[in-house]
């Protein structure tokens, strides 16, 4: 499964979600992290929304419902499994 995480430097919510995604072992996840400060269109779209996690299907990006920052790695894994 391919995912894109839109984040920005210094965002503790972004860093926390990235850490949890990298710890998931029960799913084969390919994670691309995109820094919204590197492109104006990403910044405009997500400046007030980060972290934003999208599931990449072919050339399409489907936003995934935002998990709670308190969700455990196991809860996040189950959520992604159910979503995808």
PDB file of N, CA and C in Angstrom:
ATOM      1  N   UNK A   1       0.845  -1.182   0.000  1.00  0.00           N
ATOM      2  CA  UNK A   1       0.000   0.000   0.000  1.00  0.00           C
ATOM      3  C   UNK A   1       0.886   1.239   0.000  1.00  0.00           C
ATOM      4  N   UNK A   2       0.527   2.183  -0.814  1.00  0.00           N
ATOM      5  CA  UNK A   2       1.298   3.417  -0.907  1.00  0.00           C
ATOM      6  C   UNK A   2       0.533   4.546  -0.228  1.00  0.00           C
ATOM      7  N   UNK A   3       1.252   5.286   0.613  1.00  0.00           N
ATOM      8  CA  UNK A   3       0.672   6.421   1.309  1.00  0.00           C
ATOM      9  C   UNK A   3       1.566   7.638   1.141  1.00  0.00           C
ATOM     10  N   UNK A   4       0.936   8.802   1.173  1.00  0.00           N
ATOM     11  CA  UNK A   4       1.644  10.076   1.141  1.00  0.00           C
ATOM     12  C   UNK A   4       1.265  10.833   2.406  1.00  0.00           C
ATOM     13  N   UNK A   5       2.253  11.296   3.131  1.00  0.00           N
ATOM     14  CA  UNK A   5       2.030  12.087   4.336  1.00  0.00           C
ATOM     15  C   UNK A   5       2.469  13.511   4.051  1.00  0.00           C
ATOM     16  N   UNK A   6       1.513  14.430   4.044  1.00  0.00           N
ATOM     17  CA  UNK A   6       1.827  15.850   3.897  1.00  0.00           C
ATOM     18  C   UNK A   6       2.110  16.389   5.292  1.00  0.00           C
ATOM     19  N   UNK A   7       3.280  16.972   5.469  1.00  0.00           N
ATOM     20  CA  UNK A   7       3.688  17.461   6.782  1.00  0.00           C
ATOM     21  C   UNK A   7       4.523  18.723   6.626  1.00  0.00           C
ATOM     22  N   UNK A   8       4.919  19.266   7.760  1.00  0.00           N
ATOM     23  CA  UNK A   8       5.834  20.404   7.718  1.00  0.00           C
ATOM     24  C   UNK A   8       6.804  20.295   8.884  1.00  0.00           C
ATOM     25  N   UNK A   9       7.994  20.852   8.735  1.00  0.00           N
ATOM     26  CA  UNK A   9       9.004  20.767   9.783  1.00  0.00           C
ATOM     27  C   UNK A   9       8.500  21.377  11.090  1.00  0.00           C
ATOM     28  N   UNK A  10       8.836  20.726  12.193  1.00  0.00           N
ATOM     29  CA  UNK A  10       8.481  21.235  13.506  1.00  0.00           C
ATOM     30  C   UNK A  10       7.064  20.917  13.944  1.00  0.00           C
ATOM     31  N   UNK A  11       6.322  20.179  13.156  1.00  0.00           N
ATOM     32  CA  UNK A  11       4.941  19.815  13.505  1.00  0.00           C
ATOM     33  C   UNK A  11       4.976  18.521  14.303  1.00  0.00           C
ATOM     34  N   UNK A  12       4.684  18.612  15.591  1.00  0.00           N
ATOM     35  CA  UNK A  12       4.761  17.409  16.426  1.00  0.00           C
ATOM     36  C   UNK A  12       3.689  16.387  16.063  1.00  0.00           C
ATOM     37  N   UNK A  13       2.545  16.825  15.563  1.00  0.00           N
ATOM     38  CA  UNK A  13       1.512  15.877  15.122  1.00  0.00           C
ATOM     39  C   UNK A  13       1.991  15.107  13.884  1.00  0.00           C
ATOM     40  N   UNK A  14       2.650  15.816  12.976  1.00  0.00           N
ATOM     41  CA  UNK A  14       3.189  15.180  11.768  1.00  0.00           C
ATOM     42  C   UNK A  14       4.257  14.151  12.135  1.00  0.00           C
ATOM     43  N   UNK A  15       5.164  14.553  13.009  1.00  0.00           N
ATOM     44  CA  UNK A  15       6.251  13.670  13.415  1.00  0.00           C
ATOM     45  C   UNK A  15       5.711  12.439  14.133  1.00  0.00           C
ATOM     46  N   UNK A  16       4.701  12.630  14.977  1.00  0.00           N
ATOM     47  CA  UNK A  16       4.107  11.512  15.703  1.00  0.00           C
ATOM     48  C   UNK A  16       3.441  10.517  14.773  1.00  0.00           C
ATOM     49  N   UNK A  17       2.701  11.024  13.795  1.00  0.00           N
ATOM     50  CA  UNK A  17       2.035  10.138  12.844  1.00  0.00           C
ATOM     51  C   UNK A  17       3.063   9.413  11.987  1.00  0.00           C
ATOM     52  N   UNK A  18       4.081  10.095  11.540  1.00  0.00           N
ATOM     53  CA  UNK A  18       5.119   9.452  10.732  1.00  0.00           C
ATOM     54  C   UNK A  18       5.795   8.338  11.514  1.00  0.00           C
ATOM     55  N   UNK A  19       6.120   8.593  12.777  1.00  0.00           N
ATOM     56  CA  UNK A  19       6.742   7.581  13.629  1.00  0.00           C
ATOM     57  C   UNK A  19       5.876   6.335  13.724  1.00  0.00           C
ATOM     58  N   UNK A  20       4.592   6.540  13.959  1.00  0.00           N
ATOM     59  CA  UNK A  20       3.674   5.395  14.092  1.00  0.00           C
ATOM     60  C   UNK A  20       3.547   4.642  12.779  1.00  0.00           C
ATOM     61  N   UNK A  21       3.450   5.358  11.675  1.00  0.00           N
ATOM     62  CA  UNK A  21       3.348   4.692  10.372  1.00  0.00           C
ATOM     63  C   UNK A  21       4.583   3.846  10.092  1.00  0.00           C
ATOM     64  N   UNK A  22       5.747   4.334  10.483  1.00  0.00           N
ATOM     65  CA  UNK A  22       6.991   3.601  10.255  1.00  0.00           C
ATOM     66  C   UNK A  22       7.113   2.380  11.153  1.00  0.00           C
ATOM     67  N   UNK A  23       6.333   2.331  12.245  1.00  0.00           N
ATOM     68  CA  UNK A  23       6.386   1.197  13.163  1.00  0.00           C
ATOM     69  C   UNK A  23       5.403   0.083  12.801  1.00  0.00           C
ATOM     70  N   UNK A  24       4.510   0.345  11.872  1.00  0.00           N
ATOM     71  CA  UNK A  24       3.533  -0.668  11.476  1.00  0.00           C
ATOM     72  C   UNK A  24       4.247  -1.823  10.789  1.00  0.00           C
ATOM     73  N   UNK A  25       3.996  -3.032  11.287  1.00  0.00           N
ATOM     74  CA  UNK A  25       4.668  -4.194  10.731  1.00  0.00           C
ATOM     75  C   UNK A  25       3.706  -5.158  10.048  1.00  0.00           C
ATOM     76  N   UNK A  26       2.417  -5.065  10.373  1.00  0.00           N
ATOM     77  CA  UNK A  26       1.444  -6.007   9.834  1.00  0.00           C
ATOM     78  C   UNK A  26       0.970  -5.676   8.434  1.00  0.00           C
ATOM     79  N   UNK A  27       1.343  -4.523   7.912  1.00  0.00           N
ATOM     80  CA  UNK A  27       0.956  -4.113   6.569  1.00  0.00           C
ATOM     81  C   UNK A  27       2.205  -3.726   5.793  1.00  0.00           C
ATOM     82  N   UNK A  28       2.174  -3.983   4.499  1.00  0.00           N
ATOM     83  CA  UNK A  28       3.283  -3.576   3.645  1.00  0.00           C
ATOM     84  C   UNK A  28       3.004  -2.146   3.186  1.00  0.00           C
ATOM     85  N   UNK A  29       3.639  -1.194   3.872  1.00  0.00           N
ATOM     86  CA  UNK A  29       3.377   0.223   3.615  1.00  0.00           C
ATOM     87  C   UNK A  29       4.597   0.877   2.976  1.00  0.00           C
ATOM     88  N   UNK A  30       4.330   1.595   1.904  1.00  0.00           N
ATOM     89  CA  UNK A  30       5.342   2.440   1.285  1.00  0.00           C
ATOM     90  C   UNK A  30       4.923   3.873   1.582  1.00  0.00           C
ATOM     91  N   UNK A  31       5.735   4.600   2.345  1.00  0.00           N
ATOM     92  CA  UNK A  31       5.383   5.936   2.798  1.00  0.00           C
ATOM     93  C   UNK A  31       6.257   6.986   2.132  1.00  0.00           C
ATOM     94  N   UNK A  32       5.598   7.957   1.516  1.00  0.00           N
ATOM     95  CA  UNK A  32       6.291   9.115   0.948  1.00  0.00           C
ATOM     96  C   UNK A  32       5.902  10.319   1.797  1.00  0.00           C
ATOM     97  N   UNK A  33       6.890  10.999   2.348  1.00  0.00           N
ATOM     98  CA  UNK A  33       6.634  12.177   3.174  1.00  0.00           C
ATOM     99  C   UNK A  33       6.907  13.414   2.326  1.00  0.00           C
ATOM    100  N   UNK A  34       5.910  14.291   2.260  1.00  0.00           N
ATOM    101  CA  UNK A  34       6.036  15.521   1.472  1.00  0.00           C
ATOM    102  C   UNK A  34       5.998  16.736   2.397  1.00  0.00           C
ATOM    103  N   UNK A  35       7.038  17.527   2.336  1.00  0.00           N
ATOM    104  CA  UNK A  35       7.144  18.757   3.129  1.00  0.00           C
ATOM    105  C   UNK A  35       6.365  19.851   2.394  1.00  0.00           C
ATOM    106  N   UNK A  36       5.274  20.312   3.002  1.00  0.00           N
ATOM    107  CA  UNK A  36       4.421  21.294   2.318  1.00  0.00           C
ATOM    108  C   UNK A  36       5.097  22.637   2.120  1.00  0.00           C
ATOM    109  N   UNK A  37       6.196  22.882   2.833  1.00  0.00           N
ATOM    110  CA  UNK A  37       6.875  24.170   2.679  1.00  0.00           C
ATOM    111  C   UNK A  37       7.748  24.209   1.433  1.00  0.00           C
ATOM    112  N   UNK A  38       7.853  23.080   0.714  1.00  0.00           N
ATOM    113  CA  UNK A  38       8.706  23.043  -0.473  1.00  0.00           C
ATOM    114  C   UNK A  38       7.951  23.369  -1.753  1.00  0.00           C
ATOM    115  N   UNK A  39       6.613  23.388  -1.673  1.00  0.00           N
ATOM    116  CA  UNK A  39       5.814  23.723  -2.862  1.00  0.00           C
ATOM    117  C   UNK A  39       4.629  24.583  -2.453  1.00  0.00           C
ATOM    118  N   UNK A  40       4.437  25.649  -3.201  1.00  0.00           N
ATOM    119  CA  UNK A  40       3.372  26.597  -2.877  1.00  0.00           C
ATOM    120  C   UNK A  40       1.986  25.962  -2.934  1.00  0.00           C
ATOM    121  N   UNK A  41       1.731  25.080  -3.913  1.00  0.00           N
ATOM    122  CA  UNK A  41       0.412  24.457  -4.025  1.00  0.00           C
ATOM    123  C   UNK A  41       0.121  23.541  -2.841  1.00  0.00           C
ATOM    124  N   UNK A  42       1.126  22.805  -2.362  1.00  0.00           N
ATOM    125  CA  UNK A  42       0.930  21.966  -1.179  1.00  0.00           C
ATOM    126  C   UNK A  42       0.694  22.832   0.048  1.00  0.00           C
ATOM    127  N   UNK A  43       1.460  23.909   0.164  1.00  0.00           N
ATOM    128  CA  UNK A  43       1.313  24.792   1.321  1.00  0.00           C
ATOM    129  C   UNK A  43      -0.086  25.406   1.362  1.00  0.00           C
ATOM    130  N   UNK A  44      -0.552  25.902   0.219  1.00  0.00           N
ATOM    131  CA  UNK A  44      -1.891  26.497   0.155  1.00  0.00           C
ATOM    132  C   UNK A  44      -2.970  25.483   0.518  1.00  0.00           C
ATOM    133  N   UNK A  45      -2.799  24.264   0.049  1.00  0.00           N
ATOM    134  CA  UNK A  45      -3.817  23.242   0.272  1.00  0.00           C
ATOM    135  C   UNK A  45      -3.829  22.719   1.707  1.00  0.00           C
ATOM    136  N   UNK A  46      -2.668  22.620   2.349  1.00  0.00           N
ATOM    137  CA  UNK A  46      -2.580  21.891   3.618  1.00  0.00           C
ATOM    138  C   UNK A  46      -2.034  22.681   4.798  1.00  0.00           C
ATOM    139  N   UNK A  47      -1.788  23.986   4.647  1.00  0.00           N
ATOM    140  CA  UNK A  47      -1.125  24.729   5.713  1.00  0.00           C
ATOM    141  C   UNK A  47      -1.843  24.655   7.060  1.00  0.00           C
ATOM    142  N   UNK A  48      -3.170  24.533   7.050  1.00  0.00           N
ATOM    143  CA  UNK A  48      -3.923  24.474   8.306  1.00  0.00           C
ATOM    144  C   UNK A  48      -4.413  23.067   8.613  1.00  0.00           C
ATOM    145  N   UNK A  49      -4.029  22.104   7.794  1.00  0.00           N
ATOM    146  CA  UNK A  49      -4.581  20.755   7.918  1.00  0.00           C
ATOM    147  C   UNK A  49      -3.570  19.685   8.318  1.00  0.00           C
ATOM    148  N   UNK A  50      -2.285  19.965   8.245  1.00  0.00           N
ATOM    149  CA  UNK A  50      -1.297  18.917   8.485  1.00  0.00           C
ATOM    150  C   UNK A  50      -1.433  18.325   9.881  1.00  0.00           C
ATOM    151  N   UNK A  51      -1.157  17.046  10.020  1.00  0.00           N
ATOM    152  CA  UNK A  51      -0.747  16.109   8.996  1.00  0.00           C
ATOM    153  C   UNK A  51      -1.935  15.620   8.164  1.00  0.00           C
ATOM    154  N   UNK A  52      -1.692  15.417   6.886  1.00  0.00           N
ATOM    155  CA  UNK A  52      -2.701  14.861   5.989  1.00  0.00           C
ATOM    156  C   UNK A  52      -2.114  13.591   5.388  1.00  0.00           C
ATOM    157  N   UNK A  53      -2.837  12.495   5.563  1.00  0.00           N
ATOM    158  CA  UNK A  53      -2.405  11.210   5.038  1.00  0.00           C
ATOM    159  C   UNK A  53      -3.304  10.840   3.867  1.00  0.00           C
ATOM    160  N   UNK A  54      -2.694  10.499   2.748  1.00  0.00           N
ATOM    161  CA  UNK A  54      -3.443  10.106   1.553  1.00  0.00           C
ATOM    162  C   UNK A  54      -3.017   8.709   1.129  1.00  0.00           C
ATOM    163  N   UNK A  55      -3.988   7.926   0.676  1.00  0.00           N
ATOM    164  CA  UNK A  55      -3.727   6.609   0.101  1.00  0.00           C
ATOM    165  C   UNK A  55      -3.552   6.812  -1.391  1.00  0.00           C
ATOM    166  N   UNK A  56      -2.454   6.338  -1.932  1.00  0.00           N
ATOM    167  CA  UNK A  56      -2.171   6.519  -3.356  1.00  0.00           C
ATOM    168  C   UNK A  56      -2.638   5.276  -4.103  1.00  0.00           C
ATOM    169  N   UNK A  57      -3.579   5.489  -5.023  1.00  0.00           N
ATOM    170  CA  UNK A  57      -4.107   4.413  -5.850  1.00  0.00           C
ATOM    171  C   UNK A  57      -3.909   4.840  -7.296  1.00  0.00           C
ATOM    172  N   UNK A  58      -3.076   4.109  -8.023  1.00  0.00           N
ATOM    173  CA  UNK A  58      -2.667   4.489  -9.373  1.00  0.00           C
ATOM    174  C   UNK A  58      -2.072   5.891  -9.302  1.00  0.00           C
ATOM    175  N   UNK A  59      -2.652   6.832 -10.012  1.00  0.00           N
ATOM    176  CA  UNK A  59      -2.157   8.211  -9.958  1.00  0.00           C
ATOM    177  C   UNK A  59      -3.063   9.107  -9.132  1.00  0.00           C
ATOM    178  N   UNK A  60      -3.998   8.517  -8.424  1.00  0.00           N
ATOM    179  CA  UNK A  60      -4.950   9.271  -7.612  1.00  0.00           C
ATOM    180  C   UNK A  60      -4.542   9.239  -6.139  1.00  0.00           C
ATOM    181  N   UNK A  61      -4.857  10.315  -5.428  1.00  0.00           N
ATOM    182  CA  UNK A  61      -4.636  10.381  -3.981  1.00  0.00           C
ATOM    183  C   UNK A  61      -5.985  10.491  -3.299  1.00  0.00           C
ATOM    184  N   UNK A  62      -6.241   9.574  -2.369  1.00  0.00           N
ATOM    185  CA  UNK A  62      -7.483   9.602  -1.601  1.00  0.00           C
ATOM    186  C   UNK A  62      -7.140   9.922  -0.151  1.00  0.00           C
ATOM    187  N   UNK A  63      -7.620  11.051   0.378  1.00  0.00           N
ATOM    188  CA  UNK A  63      -7.332  11.360   1.785  1.00  0.00           C
ATOM    189  C   UNK A  63      -7.910  10.295   2.709  1.00  0.00           C
ATOM    190  N   UNK A  64      -7.139   9.947   3.706  1.00  0.00           N
ATOM    191  CA  UNK A  64      -7.547   8.986   4.724  1.00  0.00           C
ATOM    192  C   UNK A  64      -8.074   9.795   5.903  1.00  0.00           C
ATOM    193  N   UNK A  65      -9.163   9.336   6.555  1.00  0.00           N
ATOM    194  CA  UNK A  65      -9.636  10.070   7.738  1.00  0.00           C
ATOM    195  C   UNK A  65      -8.501  10.240   8.752  1.00  0.00           C
ATOM    196  N   UNK A  66      -8.441  11.418   9.331  1.00  0.00           N
ATOM    197  CA  UNK A  66      -7.350  11.728  10.256  1.00  0.00           C
ATOM    198  C   UNK A  66      -7.452  10.879  11.523  1.00  0.00           C
ATOM    199  N   UNK A  67      -6.397  10.131  11.819  1.00  0.00           N
ATOM    200  CA  UNK A  67      -6.416   9.348  13.066  1.00  0.00           C
ATOM    201  C   UNK A  67      -6.167  10.253  14.266  1.00  0.00           C
ATOM    202  N   UNK A  68      -6.648   9.817  15.395  1.00  0.00           N
ATOM    203  CA  UNK A  68      -6.400  10.557  16.636  1.00  0.00           C
ATOM    204  C   UNK A  68      -4.908  10.534  16.943  1.00  0.00           C
ATOM    205  N   UNK A  69      -4.350  11.646  17.426  1.00  0.00           N
ATOM    206  CA  UNK A  69      -2.939  11.646  17.830  1.00  0.00           C
ATOM    207  C   UNK A  69      -2.672  10.653  18.968  1.00  0.00           C
ATOM    208  N   UNK A  70      -3.718  10.253  19.662  1.00  0.00           N
ATOM    209  CA  UNK A  70      -3.573   9.308  20.770  1.00  0.00           C
ATOM    210  C   UNK A  70      -3.678   7.852  20.320  1.00  0.00           C
ATOM    211  N   UNK A  71      -3.977   7.631  19.052  1.00  0.00           N
ATOM    212  CA  UNK A  71      -4.107   6.262  18.543  1.00  0.00           C
ATOM    213  C   UNK A  71      -2.772   5.531  18.661  1.00  0.00           C
ATOM    214  N   UNK A  72      -2.857   4.269  19.036  1.00  0.00           N
ATOM    215  CA  UNK A  72      -1.645   3.453  19.119  1.00  0.00           C
ATOM    216  C   UNK A  72      -1.265   2.981  17.722  1.00  0.00           C
ATOM    217  N   UNK A  73      -0.087   2.409  17.603  1.00  0.00           N
ATOM    218  CA  UNK A  73       0.362   1.865  16.318  1.00  0.00           C
ATOM    219  C   UNK A  73      -0.616   0.786  15.857  1.00  0.00           C
ATOM    220  N   UNK A  74      -1.066  -0.058  16.785  1.00  0.00           N
ATOM    221  CA  UNK A  74      -1.997  -1.133  16.449  1.00  0.00           C
ATOM    222  C   UNK A  74      -3.339  -0.576  15.979  1.00  0.00           C
ATOM    223  N   UNK A  75      -3.833   0.452  16.635  1.00  0.00           N
ATOM    224  CA  UNK A  75      -5.090   1.068  16.222  1.00  0.00           C
ATOM    225  C   UNK A  75      -4.952   1.698  14.842  1.00  0.00           C
ATOM    226  N   UNK A  76      -3.843   2.353  14.587  1.00  0.00           N
ATOM    227  CA  UNK A  76      -3.590   2.968  13.286  1.00  0.00           C
ATOM    228  C   UNK A  76      -3.519   1.895  12.202  1.00  0.00           C
ATOM    229  N   UNK A  77      -2.857   0.794  12.512  1.00  0.00           N
ATOM    230  CA  UNK A  77      -2.755  -0.315  11.555  1.00  0.00           C
ATOM    231  C   UNK A  77      -4.140  -0.866  11.212  1.00  0.00           C
ATOM    232  N   UNK A  78      -4.978  -1.085  12.219  1.00  0.00           N
ATOM    233  CA  UNK A  78      -6.341  -1.585  11.985  1.00  0.00           C
ATOM    234  C   UNK A  78      -7.153  -0.588  11.162  1.00  0.00           C
ATOM    235  N   UNK A  79      -7.008   0.697  11.470  1.00  0.00           N
ATOM    236  CA  UNK A  79      -7.744   1.721  10.736  1.00  0.00           C
ATOM    237  C   UNK A  79      -7.366   1.706   9.253  1.00  0.00           C
ATOM    238  N   UNK A  80      -6.066   1.621   8.970  1.00  0.00           N
ATOM    239  CA  UNK A  80      -5.612   1.603   7.584  1.00  0.00           C
ATOM    240  C   UNK A  80      -6.039   0.320   6.881  1.00  0.00           C
ATOM    241  N   UNK A  81      -6.014  -0.783   7.601  1.00  0.00           N
ATOM    242  CA  UNK A  81      -6.445  -2.051   7.039  1.00  0.00           C
ATOM    243  C   UNK A  81      -7.923  -1.993   6.665  1.00  0.00           C
ATOM    244  N   UNK A  82      -8.745  -1.439   7.539  1.00  0.00           N
ATOM    245  CA  UNK A  82     -10.185  -1.315   7.274  1.00  0.00           C
ATOM    246  C   UNK A  82     -10.451  -0.323   6.160  1.00  0.00           C
ATOM    247  N   UNK A  83      -9.685   0.748   6.108  1.00  0.00           N
ATOM    248  CA  UNK A  83      -9.891   1.785   5.109  1.00  0.00           C
ATOM    249  C   UNK A  83      -9.523   1.299   3.709  1.00  0.00           C
ATOM    250  N   UNK A  84      -8.436   0.575   3.631  1.00  0.00           N
ATOM    251  CA  UNK A  84      -7.923   0.148   2.320  1.00  0.00           C
ATOM    252  C   UNK A  84      -8.437  -1.225   1.969  1.00  0.00           C
TER     253      UNK A  84
END
